[in-house]
Amino acid sequence: MKKTSSIILFKQKQIRRHWDEEKELWYFSIIDVIEILTDSTIPKRYWSDLKIKLQKEGSEVYEKIVHLKFVATEGKKYATDCFSTEDLLRVIQSIPSPSDKKHDKNNDTFLIAE
């Protein structure tokens, strides 16, 4: 299985992504997306709380997570929760919009641009 990782920019912030050639799917780091969409200073904690909330609501969020290793800012690789484009868009729908309305949930084309 050939895999390729890359980084895309959205609002001058990085979103780590990974192409799975066998499945022909892009996978995106949910932590990166949450940091951008929520302006959270602790996106890992935000994601942890959101996962619990989604599970309580009956979402199968845990079944959709793919763990991939990405290089962190200090240069080490860490396993990161990732979603395919389709599953990521579903998760994004459950993220409350920040008060400044930076994020339009109906305009998520940045995530599928190659």
PDB file of N, CA and C in Angstrom:
ATOM      1  N   MET A   1       0.846  -1.176   0.000  1.00  0.00           N
ATOM      2  CA  MET A   1       0.000   0.000   0.000  1.00  0.00           C
ATOM      3  C   MET A   1       0.891   1.238   0.000  1.00  0.00           C
ATOM      4  N   LYS A   2       0.841   2.018  -1.046  1.00  0.00           N
ATOM      5  CA  LYS A   2       1.627   3.244  -1.146  1.00  0.00           C
ATOM      6  C   LYS A   2       0.859   4.379  -0.475  1.00  0.00           C
ATOM      7  N   LYS A   3       1.560   5.134   0.360  1.00  0.00           N
ATOM      8  CA  LYS A   3       0.934   6.245   1.067  1.00  0.00           C
ATOM      9  C   LYS A   3       1.786   7.492   0.879  1.00  0.00           C
ATOM     10  N   THR A   4       1.128   8.624   0.778  1.00  0.00           N
ATOM     11  CA  THR A   4       1.812   9.893   0.605  1.00  0.00           C
ATOM     12  C   THR A   4       1.223  10.908   1.569  1.00  0.00           C
ATOM     13  N   SER A   5       2.083  11.582   2.305  1.00  0.00           N
ATOM     14  CA  SER A   5       1.626  12.619   3.221  1.00  0.00           C
ATOM     15  C   SER A   5       2.004  13.981   2.672  1.00  0.00           C
ATOM     16  N   SER A   6       1.180  14.971   2.983  1.00  0.00           N
ATOM     17  CA  SER A   6       1.465  16.334   2.564  1.00  0.00           C
ATOM     18  C   SER A   6       0.751  17.295   3.496  1.00  0.00           C
ATOM     19  N   ILE A   7       1.020  18.545   3.296  1.00  0.00           N
ATOM     20  CA  ILE A   7       0.399  19.599   4.104  1.00  0.00           C
ATOM     21  C   ILE A   7      -0.289  20.567   3.161  1.00  0.00           C
ATOM     22  N   ILE A   8      -1.501  20.959   3.533  1.00  0.00           N
ATOM     23  CA  ILE A   8      -2.188  22.013   2.796  1.00  0.00           C
ATOM     24  C   ILE A   8      -2.387  23.180   3.747  1.00  0.00           C
ATOM     25  N   LEU A   9      -2.560  24.354   3.198  1.00  0.00           N
ATOM     26  CA  LEU A   9      -2.778  25.544   4.012  1.00  0.00           C
ATOM     27  C   LEU A   9      -4.210  26.021   3.870  1.00  0.00           C
ATOM     28  N   PHE A  10      -4.767  26.452   4.994  1.00  0.00           N
ATOM     29  CA  PHE A  10      -6.081  27.076   5.020  1.00  0.00           C
ATOM     30  C   PHE A  10      -5.999  28.196   6.033  1.00  0.00           C
ATOM     31  N   LYS A  11      -6.263  29.412   5.598  1.00  0.00           N
ATOM     32  CA  LYS A  11      -6.154  30.595   6.462  1.00  0.00           C
ATOM     33  C   LYS A  11      -4.772  30.663   7.116  1.00  0.00           C
ATOM     34  N   GLN A  12      -3.732  30.408   6.331  1.00  0.00           N
ATOM     35  CA  GLN A  12      -2.334  30.436   6.754  1.00  0.00           C
ATOM     36  C   GLN A  12      -2.008  29.430   7.861  1.00  0.00           C
ATOM     37  N   LYS A  13      -2.833  28.409   8.023  1.00  0.00           N
ATOM     38  CA  LYS A  13      -2.561  27.361   9.007  1.00  0.00           C
ATOM     39  C   LYS A  13      -2.476  26.027   8.288  1.00  0.00           C
ATOM     40  N   GLN A  14      -1.680  25.141   8.843  1.00  0.00           N
ATOM     41  CA  GLN A  14      -1.434  23.852   8.204  1.00  0.00           C
ATOM     42  C   GLN A  14      -2.482  22.809   8.566  1.00  0.00           C
ATOM     43  N   ILE A  15      -2.846  22.018   7.565  1.00  0.00           N
ATOM     44  CA  ILE A  15      -3.666  20.828   7.787  1.00  0.00           C
ATOM     45  C   ILE A  15      -2.865  19.662   7.216  1.00  0.00           C
ATOM     46  N   ARG A  16      -2.494  18.749   8.099  1.00  0.00           N
ATOM     47  CA  ARG A  16      -1.755  17.580   7.639  1.00  0.00           C
ATOM     48  C   ARG A  16      -2.738  16.601   7.005  1.00  0.00           C
ATOM     49  N   ARG A  17      -2.340  16.033   5.875  1.00  0.00           N
ATOM     50  CA  ARG A  17      -3.209  15.093   5.177  1.00  0.00           C
ATOM     51  C   ARG A  17      -2.370  13.950   4.629  1.00  0.00           C
ATOM     52  N   HIS A  18      -3.056  12.899   4.292  1.00  0.00           N
ATOM     53  CA  HIS A  18      -2.383  11.691   3.846  1.00  0.00           C
ATOM     54  C   HIS A  18      -3.195  11.030   2.739  1.00  0.00           C
ATOM     55  N   TRP A  19      -2.546  10.707   1.647  1.00  0.00           N
ATOM     56  CA  TRP A  19      -3.214  10.042   0.522  1.00  0.00           C
ATOM     57  C   TRP A  19      -2.961   8.545   0.620  1.00  0.00           C
ATOM     58  N   ASP A  20      -4.042   7.769   0.664  1.00  0.00           N
ATOM     59  CA  ASP A  20      -3.947   6.313   0.629  1.00  0.00           C
ATOM     60  C   ASP A  20      -4.256   5.888  -0.798  1.00  0.00           C
ATOM     61  N   GLU A  21      -3.211   5.509  -1.515  1.00  0.00           N
ATOM     62  CA  GLU A  21      -3.362   5.195  -2.935  1.00  0.00           C
ATOM     63  C   GLU A  21      -4.245   3.970  -3.159  1.00  0.00           C
ATOM     64  N   GLU A  22      -4.137   2.982  -2.282  1.00  0.00           N
ATOM     65  CA  GLU A  22      -4.924   1.758  -2.435  1.00  0.00           C
ATOM     66  C   GLU A  22      -6.422   2.038  -2.313  1.00  0.00           C
ATOM     67  N   LYS A  23      -6.791   2.818  -1.304  1.00  0.00           N
ATOM     68  CA  LYS A  23      -8.207   3.153  -1.092  1.00  0.00           C
ATOM     69  C   LYS A  23      -8.639   4.369  -1.901  1.00  0.00           C
ATOM     70  N   GLU A  24      -7.662   5.082  -2.441  1.00  0.00           N
ATOM     71  CA  GLU A  24      -7.909   6.319  -3.180  1.00  0.00           C
ATOM     72  C   GLU A  24      -8.697   7.324  -2.341  1.00  0.00           C
ATOM     73  N   LEU A  25      -8.184   7.551  -1.125  1.00  0.00           N
ATOM     74  CA  LEU A  25      -8.824   8.473  -0.189  1.00  0.00           C
ATOM     75  C   LEU A  25      -7.779   9.384   0.446  1.00  0.00           C
ATOM     76  N   TRP A  26      -8.190  10.632   0.689  1.00  0.00           N
ATOM     77  CA  TRP A  26      -7.404  11.546   1.502  1.00  0.00           C
ATOM     78  C   TRP A  26      -7.862  11.389   2.945  1.00  0.00           C
ATOM     79  N   TYR A  27      -6.916  11.430   3.871  1.00  0.00           N
ATOM     80  CA  TYR A  27      -7.207  11.443   5.303  1.00  0.00           C
ATOM     81  C   TYR A  27      -6.616  12.725   5.870  1.00  0.00           C
ATOM     82  N   PHE A  28      -7.379  13.380   6.737  1.00  0.00           N
ATOM     83  CA  PHE A  28      -6.985  14.672   7.296  1.00  0.00           C
ATOM     84  C   PHE A  28      -6.883  14.587   8.810  1.00  0.00           C
ATOM     85  N   SER A  29      -5.932  15.302   9.378  1.00  0.00           N
ATOM     86  CA  SER A  29      -5.774  15.374  10.828  1.00  0.00           C
ATOM     87  C   SER A  29      -6.918  16.196  11.415  1.00  0.00           C
ATOM     88  N   ILE A  30      -7.725  15.559  12.250  1.00  0.00           N
ATOM     89  CA  ILE A  30      -8.866  16.257  12.860  1.00  0.00           C
ATOM     90  C   ILE A  30      -8.380  17.337  13.828  1.00  0.00           C
ATOM     91  N   ILE A  31      -7.253  17.126  14.460  1.00  0.00           N
ATOM     92  CA  ILE A  31      -6.711  18.132  15.386  1.00  0.00           C
ATOM     93  C   ILE A  31      -6.405  19.428  14.641  1.00  0.00           C
ATOM     94  N   ASP A  32      -5.796  19.320  13.475  1.00  0.00           N
ATOM     95  CA  ASP A  32      -5.477  20.510  12.679  1.00  0.00           C
ATOM     96  C   ASP A  32      -6.747  21.243  12.260  1.00  0.00           C
ATOM     97  N   VAL A  33      -7.740  20.488  11.830  1.00  0.00           N
ATOM     98  CA  VAL A  33      -9.004  21.089  11.381  1.00  0.00           C
ATOM     99  C   VAL A  33      -9.706  21.771  12.549  1.00  0.00           C
ATOM    100  N   ILE A  34      -9.754  21.118  13.699  1.00  0.00           N
ATOM    101  CA  ILE A  34     -10.400  21.706  14.880  1.00  0.00           C
ATOM    102  C   ILE A  34      -9.690  22.983  15.303  1.00  0.00           C
ATOM    103  N   GLU A  35      -8.377  22.979  15.271  1.00  0.00           N
ATOM    104  CA  GLU A  35      -7.627  24.184  15.647  1.00  0.00           C
ATOM    105  C   GLU A  35      -8.009  25.369  14.767  1.00  0.00           C
ATOM    106  N   ILE A  36      -8.173  25.133  13.486  1.00  0.00           N
ATOM    107  CA  ILE A  36      -8.522  26.204  12.556  1.00  0.00           C
ATOM    108  C   ILE A  36      -9.967  26.654  12.724  1.00  0.00           C
ATOM    109  N   LEU A  37     -10.874  25.701  12.817  1.00  0.00           N
ATOM    110  CA  LEU A  37     -12.298  26.050  12.839  1.00  0.00           C
ATOM    111  C   LEU A  37     -12.773  26.620  14.167  1.00  0.00           C
ATOM    112  N   THR A  38     -12.100  26.259  15.259  1.00  0.00           N
ATOM    113  CA  THR A  38     -12.571  26.697  16.572  1.00  0.00           C
ATOM    114  C   THR A  38     -11.678  27.742  17.214  1.00  0.00           C
ATOM    115  N   ASP A  39     -10.479  27.935  16.673  1.00  0.00           N
ATOM    116  CA  ASP A  39      -9.478  28.799  17.304  1.00  0.00           C
ATOM    117  C   ASP A  39      -9.155  28.336  18.721  1.00  0.00           C
ATOM    118  N   SER A  40      -9.336  27.055  18.982  1.00  0.00           N
ATOM    119  CA  SER A  40      -9.049  26.488  20.293  1.00  0.00           C
ATOM    120  C   SER A  40      -7.555  26.549  20.568  1.00  0.00           C
ATOM    121  N   THR A  41      -7.203  26.902  21.803  1.00  0.00           N
ATOM    122  CA  THR A  41      -5.798  26.898  22.195  1.00  0.00           C
ATOM    123  C   THR A  41      -5.351  25.490  22.587  1.00  0.00           C
ATOM    124  N   ILE A  42      -6.329  24.603  22.829  1.00  0.00           N
ATOM    125  CA  ILE A  42      -6.035  23.211  23.172  1.00  0.00           C
ATOM    126  C   ILE A  42      -6.901  22.312  22.286  1.00  0.00           C
ATOM    127  N   PRO A  43      -6.575  22.208  20.996  1.00  0.00           N
ATOM    128  CA  PRO A  43      -7.421  21.437  20.081  1.00  0.00           C
ATOM    129  C   PRO A  43      -7.530  19.955  20.430  1.00  0.00           C
ATOM    130  N   LYS A  44      -6.493  19.377  21.050  1.00  0.00           N
ATOM    131  CA  LYS A  44      -6.574  17.963  21.447  1.00  0.00           C
ATOM    132  C   LYS A  44      -7.662  17.760  22.495  1.00  0.00           C
ATOM    133  N   ARG A  45      -7.740  18.685  23.439  1.00  0.00           N
ATOM    134  CA  ARG A  45      -8.778  18.595  24.484  1.00  0.00           C
ATOM    135  C   ARG A  45     -10.160  18.812  23.876  1.00  0.00           C
ATOM    136  N   TYR A  46     -10.282  19.766  22.972  1.00  0.00           N
ATOM    137  CA  TYR A  46     -11.546  20.032  22.284  1.00  0.00           C
ATOM    138  C   TYR A  46     -11.999  18.768  21.560  1.00  0.00           C
ATOM    139  N   TRP A  47     -11.082  18.114  20.847  1.00  0.00           N
ATOM    140  CA  TRP A  47     -11.407  16.896  20.112  1.00  0.00           C
ATOM    141  C   TRP A  47     -11.804  15.772  21.069  1.00  0.00           C
ATOM    142  N   SER A  48     -11.101  15.640  22.174  1.00  0.00           N
ATOM    143  CA  SER A  48     -11.438  14.619  23.163  1.00  0.00           C
ATOM    144  C   SER A  48     -12.861  14.812  23.684  1.00  0.00           C
ATOM    145  N   ASP A  49     -13.207  16.034  24.033  1.00  0.00           N
ATOM    146  CA  ASP A  49     -14.559  16.338  24.519  1.00  0.00           C
ATOM    147  C   ASP A  49     -15.608  16.112  23.435  1.00  0.00           C
ATOM    148  N   LEU A  50     -15.293  16.491  22.206  1.00  0.00           N
ATOM    149  CA  LEU A  50     -16.236  16.322  21.102  1.00  0.00           C
ATOM    150  C   LEU A  50     -16.476  14.844  20.805  1.00  0.00           C
ATOM    151  N   LYS A  51     -15.425  14.018  20.867  1.00  0.00           N
ATOM    152  CA  LYS A  51     -15.587  12.572  20.646  1.00  0.00           C
ATOM    153  C   LYS A  51     -16.557  11.977  21.656  1.00  0.00           C
ATOM    154  N   ILE A  52     -16.412  12.363  22.917  1.00  0.00           N
ATOM    155  CA  ILE A  52     -17.295  11.857  23.972  1.00  0.00           C
ATOM    156  C   ILE A  52     -18.724  12.294  23.700  1.00  0.00           C
ATOM    157  N   LYS A  53     -18.907  13.563  23.350  1.00  0.00           N
ATOM    158  CA  LYS A  53     -20.246  14.086  23.054  1.00  0.00           C
ATOM    159  C   LYS A  53     -20.878  13.333  21.885  1.00  0.00           C
ATOM    160  N   LEU A  54     -20.120  13.139  20.823  1.00  0.00           N
ATOM    161  CA  LEU A  54     -20.647  12.456  19.640  1.00  0.00           C
ATOM    162  C   LEU A  54     -21.010  11.006  19.947  1.00  0.00           C
ATOM    163  N   GLN A  55     -20.189  10.351  20.758  1.00  0.00           N
ATOM    164  CA  GLN A  55     -20.489   8.966  21.118  1.00  0.00           C
ATOM    165  C   GLN A  55     -21.776   8.891  21.939  1.00  0.00           C
ATOM    166  N   LYS A  56     -21.964   9.825  22.865  1.00  0.00           N
ATOM    167  CA  LYS A  56     -23.192   9.851  23.672  1.00  0.00           C
ATOM    168  C   LYS A  56     -24.419  10.086  22.808  1.00  0.00           C
ATOM    169  N   GLU A  57     -24.242  10.814  21.704  1.00  0.00           N
ATOM    170  CA  GLU A  57     -25.350  11.084  20.784  1.00  0.00           C
ATOM    171  C   GLU A  57     -25.606   9.914  19.833  1.00  0.00           C
ATOM    172  N   GLY A  58     -24.800   8.866  19.940  1.00  0.00           N
ATOM    173  CA  GLY A  58     -25.006   7.694  19.098  1.00  0.00           C
ATOM    174  C   GLY A  58     -24.179   7.657  17.832  1.00  0.00           C
ATOM    175  N   SER A  59     -23.282   8.601  17.674  1.00  0.00           N
ATOM    176  CA  SER A  59     -22.424   8.628  16.486  1.00  0.00           C
ATOM    177  C   SER A  59     -21.419   7.478  16.545  1.00  0.00           C
ATOM    178  N   GLU A  60     -21.055   6.971  15.398  1.00  0.00           N
ATOM    179  CA  GLU A  60     -20.043   5.918  15.308  1.00  0.00           C
ATOM    180  C   GLU A  60     -18.674   6.528  15.023  1.00  0.00           C
ATOM    181  N   VAL A  61     -18.388   7.622  15.681  1.00  0.00           N
ATOM    182  CA  VAL A  61     -17.166   8.387  15.420  1.00  0.00           C
ATOM    183  C   VAL A  61     -15.910   7.541  15.633  1.00  0.00           C
ATOM    184  N   TYR A  62     -15.897   6.702  16.669  1.00  0.00           N
ATOM    185  CA  TYR A  62     -14.698   5.913  16.951  1.00  0.00           C
ATOM    186  C   TYR A  62     -14.412   4.894  15.853  1.00  0.00           C
ATOM    187  N   GLU A  63     -15.445   4.395  15.212  1.00  0.00           N
ATOM    188  CA  GLU A  63     -15.268   3.418  14.140  1.00  0.00           C
ATOM    189  C   GLU A  63     -14.697   4.051  12.875  1.00  0.00           C
ATOM    190  N   LYS A  64     -14.838   5.347  12.738  1.00  0.00           N
ATOM    191  CA  LYS A  64     -14.386   6.056  11.530  1.00  0.00           C
ATOM    192  C   LYS A  64     -12.968   6.612  11.645  1.00  0.00           C
ATOM    193  N   ILE A  65     -12.430   6.648  12.853  1.00  0.00           N
ATOM    194  CA  ILE A  65     -11.092   7.210  13.069  1.00  0.00           C
ATOM    195  C   ILE A  65     -10.028   6.292  12.475  1.00  0.00           C
ATOM    196  N   VAL A  66      -9.092   6.897  11.779  1.00  0.00           N
ATOM    197  CA  VAL A  66      -7.911   6.198  11.267  1.00  0.00           C
ATOM    198  C   VAL A  66      -6.708   6.845  11.945  1.00  0.00           C
ATOM    199  N   HIS A  67      -5.861   6.039  12.563  1.00  0.00           N
ATOM    200  CA  HIS A  67      -4.667   6.576  13.222  1.00  0.00           C
ATOM    201  C   HIS A  67      -3.494   6.547  12.251  1.00  0.00           C
ATOM    202  N   LEU A  68      -2.952   7.721  11.998  1.00  0.00           N
ATOM    203  CA  LEU A  68      -1.798   7.855  11.111  1.00  0.00           C
ATOM    204  C   LEU A  68      -0.715   8.646  11.831  1.00  0.00           C
ATOM    205  N   LYS A  69       0.526   8.340  11.528  1.00  0.00           N
ATOM    206  CA  LYS A  69       1.634   9.078  12.138  1.00  0.00           C
ATOM    207  C   LYS A  69       2.003  10.259  11.256  1.00  0.00           C
ATOM    208  N   PHE A  70       1.986  11.439  11.890  1.00  0.00           N
ATOM    209  CA  PHE A  70       2.390  12.669  11.222  1.00  0.00           C
ATOM    210  C   PHE A  70       3.524  13.310  12.007  1.00  0.00           C
ATOM    211  N   VAL A  71       4.341  14.064  11.319  1.00  0.00           N
ATOM    212  CA  VAL A  71       5.434  14.785  11.964  1.00  0.00           C
ATOM    213  C   VAL A  71       4.853  15.992  12.699  1.00  0.00           C
ATOM    214  N   ALA A  72       5.208  16.103  13.974  1.00  0.00           N
ATOM    215  CA  ALA A  72       4.775  17.238  14.794  1.00  0.00           C
ATOM    216  C   ALA A  72       5.766  18.391  14.634  1.00  0.00           C
ATOM    217  N   THR A  73       5.455  19.510  15.258  1.00  0.00           N
ATOM    218  CA  THR A  73       6.289  20.707  15.112  1.00  0.00           C
ATOM    219  C   THR A  73       7.728  20.487  15.575  1.00  0.00           C
ATOM    220  N   GLU A  74       7.934  19.603  16.559  1.00  0.00           N
ATOM    221  CA  GLU A  74       9.298  19.358  17.043  1.00  0.00           C
ATOM    222  C   GLU A  74      10.041  18.299  16.234  1.00  0.00           C
ATOM    223  N   GLY A  75       9.399  17.802  15.165  1.00  0.00           N
ATOM    224  CA  GLY A  75      10.070  16.880  14.261  1.00  0.00           C
ATOM    225  C   GLY A  75       9.820  15.402  14.522  1.00  0.00           C
ATOM    226  N   LYS A  76       9.145  15.068  15.617  1.00  0.00           N
ATOM    227  CA  LYS A  76       8.851  13.664  15.919  1.00  0.00           C
ATOM    228  C   LYS A  76       7.518  13.263  15.301  1.00  0.00           C
ATOM    229  N   LYS A  77       7.388  11.958  15.033  1.00  0.00           N
ATOM    230  CA  LYS A  77       6.133  11.446  14.480  1.00  0.00           C
ATOM    231  C   LYS A  77       5.241  10.937  15.612  1.00  0.00           C
ATOM    232  N   TYR A  78       3.960  11.308  15.548  1.00  0.00           N
ATOM    233  CA  TYR A  78       2.984  10.869  16.533  1.00  0.00           C
ATOM    234  C   TYR A  78       1.729  10.382  15.824  1.00  0.00           C
ATOM    235  N   ALA A  79       1.097   9.369  16.418  1.00  0.00           N
ATOM    236  CA  ALA A  79      -0.184   8.896  15.889  1.00  0.00           C
ATOM    237  C   ALA A  79      -1.217  10.000  16.078  1.00  0.00           C
ATOM    238  N   THR A  80      -1.976  10.255  15.052  1.00  0.00           N
ATOM    239  CA  THR A  80      -2.966  11.328  15.046  1.00  0.00           C
ATOM    240  C   THR A  80      -4.294  10.790  14.540  1.00  0.00           C
ATOM    241  N   ASP A  81      -5.386  11.210  15.171  1.00  0.00           N
ATOM    242  CA  ASP A  81      -6.717  10.832  14.691  1.00  0.00           C
ATOM    243  C   ASP A  81      -6.966  11.517  13.354  1.00  0.00           C
ATOM    244  N   CYS A  82      -7.368  10.733  12.374  1.00  0.00           N
ATOM    245  CA  CYS A  82      -7.629  11.256  11.034  1.00  0.00           C
ATOM    246  C   CYS A  82      -8.954  10.718  10.518  1.00  0.00           C
ATOM    247  N   PHE A  83      -9.508  11.451   9.566  1.00  0.00           N
ATOM    248  CA  PHE A  83     -10.751  11.041   8.921  1.00  0.00           C
ATOM    249  C   PHE A  83     -10.621  11.195   7.421  1.00  0.00           C
ATOM    250  N   SER A  84     -11.340  10.338   6.710  1.00  0.00           N
ATOM    251  CA  SER A  84     -11.464  10.522   5.264  1.00  0.00           C
ATOM    252  C   SER A  84     -12.243  11.810   5.039  1.00  0.00           C
ATOM    253  N   THR A  85     -12.212  12.308   3.840  1.00  0.00           N
ATOM    254  CA  THR A  85     -12.918  13.552   3.517  1.00  0.00           C
ATOM    255  C   THR A  85     -14.390  13.463   3.895  1.00  0.00           C
ATOM    256  N   GLU A  86     -15.043  12.393   3.491  1.00  0.00           N
ATOM    257  CA  GLU A  86     -16.478  12.231   3.765  1.00  0.00           C
ATOM    258  C   GLU A  86     -16.771  12.219   5.260  1.00  0.00           C
ATOM    259  N   ASP A  87     -16.008  11.446   6.021  1.00  0.00           N
ATOM    260  CA  ASP A  87     -16.242  11.363   7.462  1.00  0.00           C
ATOM    261  C   ASP A  87     -15.870  12.659   8.164  1.00  0.00           C
ATOM    262  N   LEU A  88     -14.828  13.323   7.691  1.00  0.00           N
ATOM    263  CA  LEU A  88     -14.427  14.602   8.272  1.00  0.00           C
ATOM    264  C   LEU A  88     -15.528  15.642   8.114  1.00  0.00           C
ATOM    265  N   LEU A  89     -16.144  15.685   6.953  1.00  0.00           N
ATOM    266  CA  LEU A  89     -17.227  16.646   6.733  1.00  0.00           C
ATOM    267  C   LEU A  89     -18.384  16.395   7.695  1.00  0.00           C
ATOM    268  N   ARG A  90     -18.643  15.136   8.022  1.00  0.00           N
ATOM    269  CA  ARG A  90     -19.694  14.819   9.005  1.00  0.00           C
ATOM    270  C   ARG A  90     -19.323  15.335  10.392  1.00  0.00           C
ATOM    271  N   VAL A  91     -18.071  15.142  10.775  1.00  0.00           N
ATOM    272  CA  VAL A  91     -17.622  15.619  12.084  1.00  0.00           C
ATOM    273  C   VAL A  91     -17.682  17.140  12.141  1.00  0.00           C
ATOM    274  N   ILE A  92     -17.271  17.802  11.078  1.00  0.00           N
ATOM    275  CA  ILE A  92     -17.295  19.266  11.034  1.00  0.00           C
ATOM    276  C   ILE A  92     -18.702  19.799  11.284  1.00  0.00           C
ATOM    277  N   GLN A  93     -19.698  19.102  10.806  1.00  0.00           N
ATOM    278  CA  GLN A  93     -21.083  19.544  11.003  1.00  0.00           C
ATOM    279  C   GLN A  93     -21.454  19.612  12.486  1.00  0.00           C
ATOM    280  N   SER A  94     -20.758  18.865  13.330  1.00  0.00           N
ATOM    281  CA  SER A  94     -21.075  18.854  14.759  1.00  0.00           C
ATOM    282  C   SER A  94     -20.267  19.875  15.561  1.00  0.00           C
ATOM    283  N   ILE A  95     -19.381  20.597  14.901  1.00  0.00           N
ATOM    284  CA  ILE A  95     -18.573  21.614  15.583  1.00  0.00           C
ATOM    285  C   ILE A  95     -19.338  22.929  15.575  1.00  0.00           C
ATOM    286  N   PRO A  96     -19.644  23.460  16.773  1.00  0.00           N
ATOM    287  CA  PRO A  96     -20.328  24.759  16.809  1.00  0.00           C
ATOM    288  C   PRO A  96     -19.463  25.839  16.175  1.00  0.00           C
ATOM    289  N   SER A  97     -20.075  26.703  15.401  1.00  0.00           N
ATOM    290  CA  SER A  97     -19.338  27.792  14.767  1.00  0.00           C
ATOM    291  C   SER A  97     -18.908  28.801  15.819  1.00  0.00           C
ATOM    292  N   PRO A  98     -17.686  29.312  15.703  1.00  0.00           N
ATOM    293  CA  PRO A  98     -17.259  30.356  16.630  1.00  0.00           C
ATOM    294  C   PRO A  98     -18.092  31.617  16.421  1.00  0.00           C
ATOM    295  N   SER A  99     -18.112  32.451  17.426  1.00  0.00           N
ATOM    296  CA  SER A  99     -18.964  33.643  17.385  1.00  0.00           C
ATOM    297  C   SER A  99     -18.616  34.587  16.240  1.00  0.00           C
ATOM    298  N   ASP A 100     -17.366  34.546  15.762  1.00  0.00           N
ATOM    299  CA  ASP A 100     -17.004  35.452  14.675  1.00  0.00           C
ATOM    300  C   ASP A 100     -17.385  34.906  13.299  1.00  0.00           C
ATOM    301  N   LYS A 101     -17.988  33.729  13.251  1.00  0.00           N
ATOM    302  CA  LYS A 101     -18.522  33.150  12.006  1.00  0.00           C
ATOM    303  C   LYS A 101     -17.455  32.978  10.928  1.00  0.00           C
ATOM    304  N   LYS A 102     -16.239  32.620  11.329  1.00  0.00           N
ATOM    305  CA  LYS A 102     -15.182  32.397  10.348  1.00  0.00           C
ATOM    306  C   LYS A 102     -15.472  31.194   9.462  1.00  0.00           C
ATOM    307  N   HIS A 103     -16.252  30.284   9.976  1.00  0.00           N
ATOM    308  CA  HIS A 103     -16.426  29.000   9.301  1.00  0.00           C
ATOM    309  C   HIS A 103     -17.853  28.838   8.800  1.00  0.00           C
ATOM    310  N   ASP A 104     -17.970  28.604   7.525  1.00  0.00           N
ATOM    311  CA  ASP A 104     -19.268  28.306   6.920  1.00  0.00           C
ATOM    312  C   ASP A 104     -19.318  26.811   6.660  1.00  0.00           C
ATOM    313  N   LYS A 105     -20.150  26.092   7.424  1.00  0.00           N
ATOM    314  CA  LYS A 105     -20.203  24.636   7.317  1.00  0.00           C
ATOM    315  C   LYS A 105     -20.678  24.166   5.955  1.00  0.00           C
ATOM    316  N   ASN A 106     -21.273  25.025   5.195  1.00  0.00           N
ATOM    317  CA  ASN A 106     -21.733  24.642   3.867  1.00  0.00           C
ATOM    318  C   ASN A 106     -20.670  24.890   2.800  1.00  0.00           C
ATOM    319  N   ASN A 107     -19.523  25.414   3.220  1.00  0.00           N
ATOM    320  CA  ASN A 107     -18.465  25.718   2.255  1.00  0.00           C
ATOM    321  C   ASN A 107     -17.148  25.085   2.703  1.00  0.00           C
ATOM    322  N   ASP A 108     -17.099  23.762   2.707  1.00  0.00           N
ATOM    323  CA  ASP A 108     -15.925  23.043   3.168  1.00  0.00           C
ATOM    324  C   ASP A 108     -15.058  22.551   2.026  1.00  0.00           C
ATOM    325  N   THR A 109     -15.085  23.251   0.909  1.00  0.00           N
ATOM    326  CA  THR A 109     -14.340  22.798  -0.258  1.00  0.00           C
ATOM    327  C   THR A 109     -12.837  22.804  -0.027  1.00  0.00           C
ATOM    328  N   PHE A 110     -12.350  23.581   0.929  1.00  0.00           N
ATOM    329  CA  PHE A 110     -10.921  23.598   1.198  1.00  0.00           C
ATOM    330  C   PHE A 110     -10.422  22.217   1.578  1.00  0.00           C
ATOM    331  N   LEU A 111     -11.255  21.392   2.111  1.00  0.00           N
ATOM    332  CA  LEU A 111     -10.828  20.083   2.572  1.00  0.00           C
ATOM    333  C   LEU A 111     -10.636  19.077   1.447  1.00  0.00           C
ATOM    334  N   ILE A 112     -11.303  19.287   0.342  1.00  0.00           N
ATOM    335  CA  ILE A 112     -11.198  18.301  -0.718  1.00  0.00           C
ATOM    336  C   ILE A 112     -10.365  18.799  -1.897  1.00  0.00           C
ATOM    337  N   ALA A 113      -9.848  19.996  -1.777  1.00  0.00           N
ATOM    338  CA  ALA A 113      -8.985  20.520  -2.846  1.00  0.00           C
ATOM    339  C   ALA A 113      -7.664  19.766  -2.830  1.00  0.00           C
ATOM    340  N   GLU A 114      -7.167  19.432  -3.995  1.00  0.00           N
ATOM    341  CA  GLU A 114      -5.902  18.692  -4.053  1.00  0.00           C
ATOM    342  C   GLU A 114      -4.744  19.618  -4.335  1.00  0.00           C
TER     343      GLU A 114
END
